Amino acid sequence: MITISQNFAKVLTDYVGRLQNHDFSEAAMAIAAAIVWSDGRLDEVEQAKLEEFITTSPLLQPFTPFRLLNTFQHYSEMYKLHGGKGTEGVRRAVLRIQDEDQQVLLLKFALVLAKADDPVLHDDEEQVIREFCQLLNIHEDEVFGDIDDDGDADSEG
């Protein structure tokens, strides 16, 4: 089980606040859809929890919730209509993020997001994040490295 501390979430919030740009918010919502659909389905409870996270999370305060929800629903619909082929649009959105620091931040955001509906990071969600690490050529330790063997985020920055 992986648990993320409030300190780790606050650090991400601060960084996300500095990255108020369209490409980042688009990629974040694309990854959100990939995580939600990682088990091949989207149930109403999971969608409601994710939508609540999108509209209330301090991580996303810099962005307009309505726009984020519309973007998330767009990518979610791609999965619903096209199944695995929906991933191509998600991949394109994520690949628009060129800066390595922003890529790492995006993947750490995905990790927090994956836990928004459940404190446990499920294997299929973890696999999606690892696939994006490979896509972006980001070493997995840069994303999962802030999490120690006990399941808590390291207190170091």
Protein backbone atom coordinates (compact mmCIF):
# COMPACT_ATOMS: atom_id res chain seq x y z
CA MET A 1 0.00 0.00 0.00
CA ILE A 2 1.28 3.47 -0.88
CA THR A 3 0.28 6.48 1.19
CA ILE A 4 1.12 10.06 0.29
CA SER A 5 1.65 12.57 3.07
CA GLN A 6 0.01 15.96 3.26
CA ASN A 7 3.47 17.53 3.01
CA PHE A 8 4.11 15.80 -0.32
CA ALA A 9 0.70 16.95 -1.60
CA LYS A 10 1.45 20.53 -0.48
CA VAL A 11 4.75 20.54 -2.37
CA LEU A 12 2.92 19.39 -5.49
CA THR A 13 0.27 22.06 -4.99
CA ASP A 14 2.94 24.75 -4.88
CA TYR A 15 4.55 23.47 -8.07
CA VAL A 16 1.27 23.07 -9.93
CA GLY A 17 0.42 26.66 -9.00
CA ARG A 18 3.51 27.78 -10.89
CA LEU A 19 2.52 25.85 -13.98
CA GLN A 20 -0.75 27.52 -14.86
CA ASN A 21 -0.71 26.60 -18.51
CA HIS A 22 -3.09 24.94 -20.89
CA ASP A 23 -0.79 22.08 -21.93
CA PHE A 24 -0.20 21.04 -18.33
CA SER A 25 -3.89 21.09 -17.38
CA GLU A 26 -4.75 19.22 -20.59
CA ALA A 27 -2.13 16.55 -19.87
CA ALA A 28 -3.23 16.28 -16.24
CA MET A 29 -6.83 15.60 -17.21
CA ALA A 30 -5.73 13.18 -19.94
CA ILE A 31 -3.76 11.22 -17.35
CA ALA A 32 -6.75 11.40 -15.02
CA ALA A 33 -8.86 9.67 -17.66
CA ALA A 34 -6.13 7.05 -18.23
CA ILE A 35 -6.02 6.29 -14.52
CA VAL A 36 -9.80 6.12 -14.13
CA TRP A 37 -10.07 3.79 -17.12
CA SER A 38 -7.00 1.71 -16.12
CA ASP A 39 -9.20 -1.21 -15.11
CA GLY A 40 -11.16 -1.00 -18.36
CA ARG A 41 -14.29 0.54 -16.90
CA LEU A 42 -15.59 3.66 -15.20
CA ASP A 43 -18.18 3.30 -12.50
CA GLU A 44 -20.33 6.19 -11.31
CA VAL A 45 -18.88 6.24 -7.79
CA GLU A 46 -15.30 6.39 -9.08
CA GLN A 47 -16.22 9.16 -11.53
CA ALA A 48 -18.02 11.16 -8.84
CA LYS A 49 -15.03 10.93 -6.49
CA LEU A 50 -12.64 12.00 -9.22
CA GLU A 51 -14.86 14.90 -10.26
CA GLU A 52 -15.05 16.00 -6.62
CA PHE A 53 -11.24 15.83 -6.43
CA ILE A 54 -10.92 17.91 -9.61
CA THR A 55 -13.24 20.62 -8.30
CA THR A 56 -12.02 20.74 -4.68
CA SER A 57 -8.37 19.71 -4.60
CA PRO A 58 -5.88 22.39 -3.60
CA LEU A 59 -3.57 20.77 -6.18
CA LEU A 60 -5.83 22.11 -8.91
CA GLN A 61 -6.78 25.51 -7.47
CA PRO A 62 -4.81 27.41 -10.12
CA PHE A 63 -7.08 26.02 -12.84
CA THR A 64 -10.74 26.59 -13.66
CA PRO A 65 -12.69 23.56 -12.37
CA PHE A 66 -15.31 23.75 -15.14
CA ARG A 67 -12.62 23.64 -17.82
CA LEU A 68 -10.81 20.80 -16.06
CA LEU A 69 -14.01 18.76 -15.82
CA ASN A 70 -14.78 19.31 -19.50
CA THR A 71 -11.26 18.26 -20.46
CA PHE A 72 -11.41 15.19 -18.22
CA GLN A 73 -14.80 14.23 -19.66
CA HIS A 74 -13.41 14.65 -23.20
CA TYR A 75 -10.59 12.19 -22.57
CA SER A 76 -12.83 9.86 -20.60
CA GLU A 77 -15.25 9.79 -23.53
CA MET A 78 -12.35 8.82 -25.81
CA TYR A 79 -11.81 5.72 -23.67
CA LYS A 80 -15.53 4.99 -23.53
CA LEU A 81 -15.97 5.22 -27.30
CA HIS A 82 -12.66 3.87 -28.52
CA GLY A 83 -11.36 1.61 -25.75
CA GLY A 84 -7.60 1.17 -25.99
CA LYS A 85 -7.45 3.44 -29.03
CA GLY A 86 -8.47 6.29 -26.72
CA THR A 87 -4.98 6.17 -25.28
CA GLU A 88 -3.48 7.76 -28.39
CA GLY A 89 -5.08 11.13 -27.68
CA VAL A 90 -3.93 10.88 -24.07
CA ARG A 91 -0.38 10.09 -25.17
CA ARG A 92 -0.36 13.11 -27.50
CA ALA A 93 -1.54 15.41 -24.69
CA VAL A 94 1.13 14.12 -22.33
CA LEU A 95 3.88 14.38 -24.95
CA ARG A 96 3.12 18.11 -25.36
CA ILE A 97 4.84 18.63 -22.00
CA GLN A 98 8.45 19.10 -23.05
CA ASP A 99 10.09 20.35 -19.86
CA GLU A 100 11.45 17.44 -17.80
CA ASP A 101 10.59 19.08 -14.45
CA GLN A 102 7.00 19.55 -15.62
CA GLN A 103 6.92 15.94 -16.84
CA VAL A 104 8.02 14.67 -13.44
CA LEU A 105 5.49 16.94 -11.75
CA LEU A 106 2.76 15.65 -14.06
CA LEU A 107 3.60 12.06 -13.15
CA LYS A 108 3.67 12.86 -9.43
CA PHE A 109 0.32 14.56 -9.87
CA ALA A 110 -0.93 11.35 -11.51
CA LEU A 111 0.22 9.42 -8.45
CA VAL A 112 -1.75 11.69 -6.12
CA LEU A 113 -4.72 11.60 -8.45
CA ALA A 114 -4.68 7.80 -8.56
CA LYS A 115 -5.20 7.82 -4.82
CA ALA A 116 -7.99 10.41 -4.86
CA ASP A 117 -10.75 7.81 -4.84
CA ASP A 118 -8.99 5.22 -2.67
CA PRO A 119 -6.00 5.41 -0.32
CA VAL A 120 -4.53 2.33 -1.99
CA LEU A 121 -2.69 2.63 -5.29
CA HIS A 122 -4.03 -0.27 -7.34
CA ASP A 123 -1.76 -2.28 -9.62
CA ASP A 124 -3.54 -1.19 -12.81
CA GLU A 125 -3.23 2.49 -11.81
CA GLU A 126 0.42 2.05 -10.93
CA GLN A 127 1.00 0.35 -14.28
CA VAL A 128 -0.50 3.35 -16.13
CA ILE A 129 1.84 5.72 -14.31
CA ARG A 130 4.83 3.49 -15.05
CA GLU A 131 3.86 3.40 -18.75
CA PHE A 132 3.82 7.19 -18.81
CA CYS A 133 7.24 7.22 -17.13
CA GLN A 134 8.50 5.10 -20.04
CA LEU A 135 6.75 7.26 -22.63
CA LEU A 136 8.43 10.39 -21.26
CA ASN A 137 11.76 8.71 -20.53
CA ILE A 138 11.44 9.60 -16.86
CA HIS A 139 13.06 7.17 -14.44
CA GLU A 140 10.39 5.70 -12.17
CA ASP A 141 12.39 6.60 -9.05
CA GLU A 142 11.81 10.28 -9.86
CA VAL A 143 8.08 9.66 -9.49
CA PHE A 144 7.85 6.87 -6.94
CA GLY A 145 11.10 7.80 -5.16
CA ASP A 146 9.39 10.15 -2.71
CA ILE A 147 7.64 7.13 -1.28
CA ASP A 148 9.58 4.92 1.09
CA ASP A 149 9.14 1.22 1.85
CA ASP A 150 6.82 1.96 4.77
CA GLY A 151 4.35 3.61 2.39
CA ASP A 152 4.88 7.16 3.62
CA ALA A 153 6.22 10.00 1.56
CA ASP A 154 9.70 11.05 2.62
CA SER A 155 9.80 14.23 4.64
CA GLU A 156 12.75 15.48 2.62
CA GLY A 157 11.95 17.74 -0.30
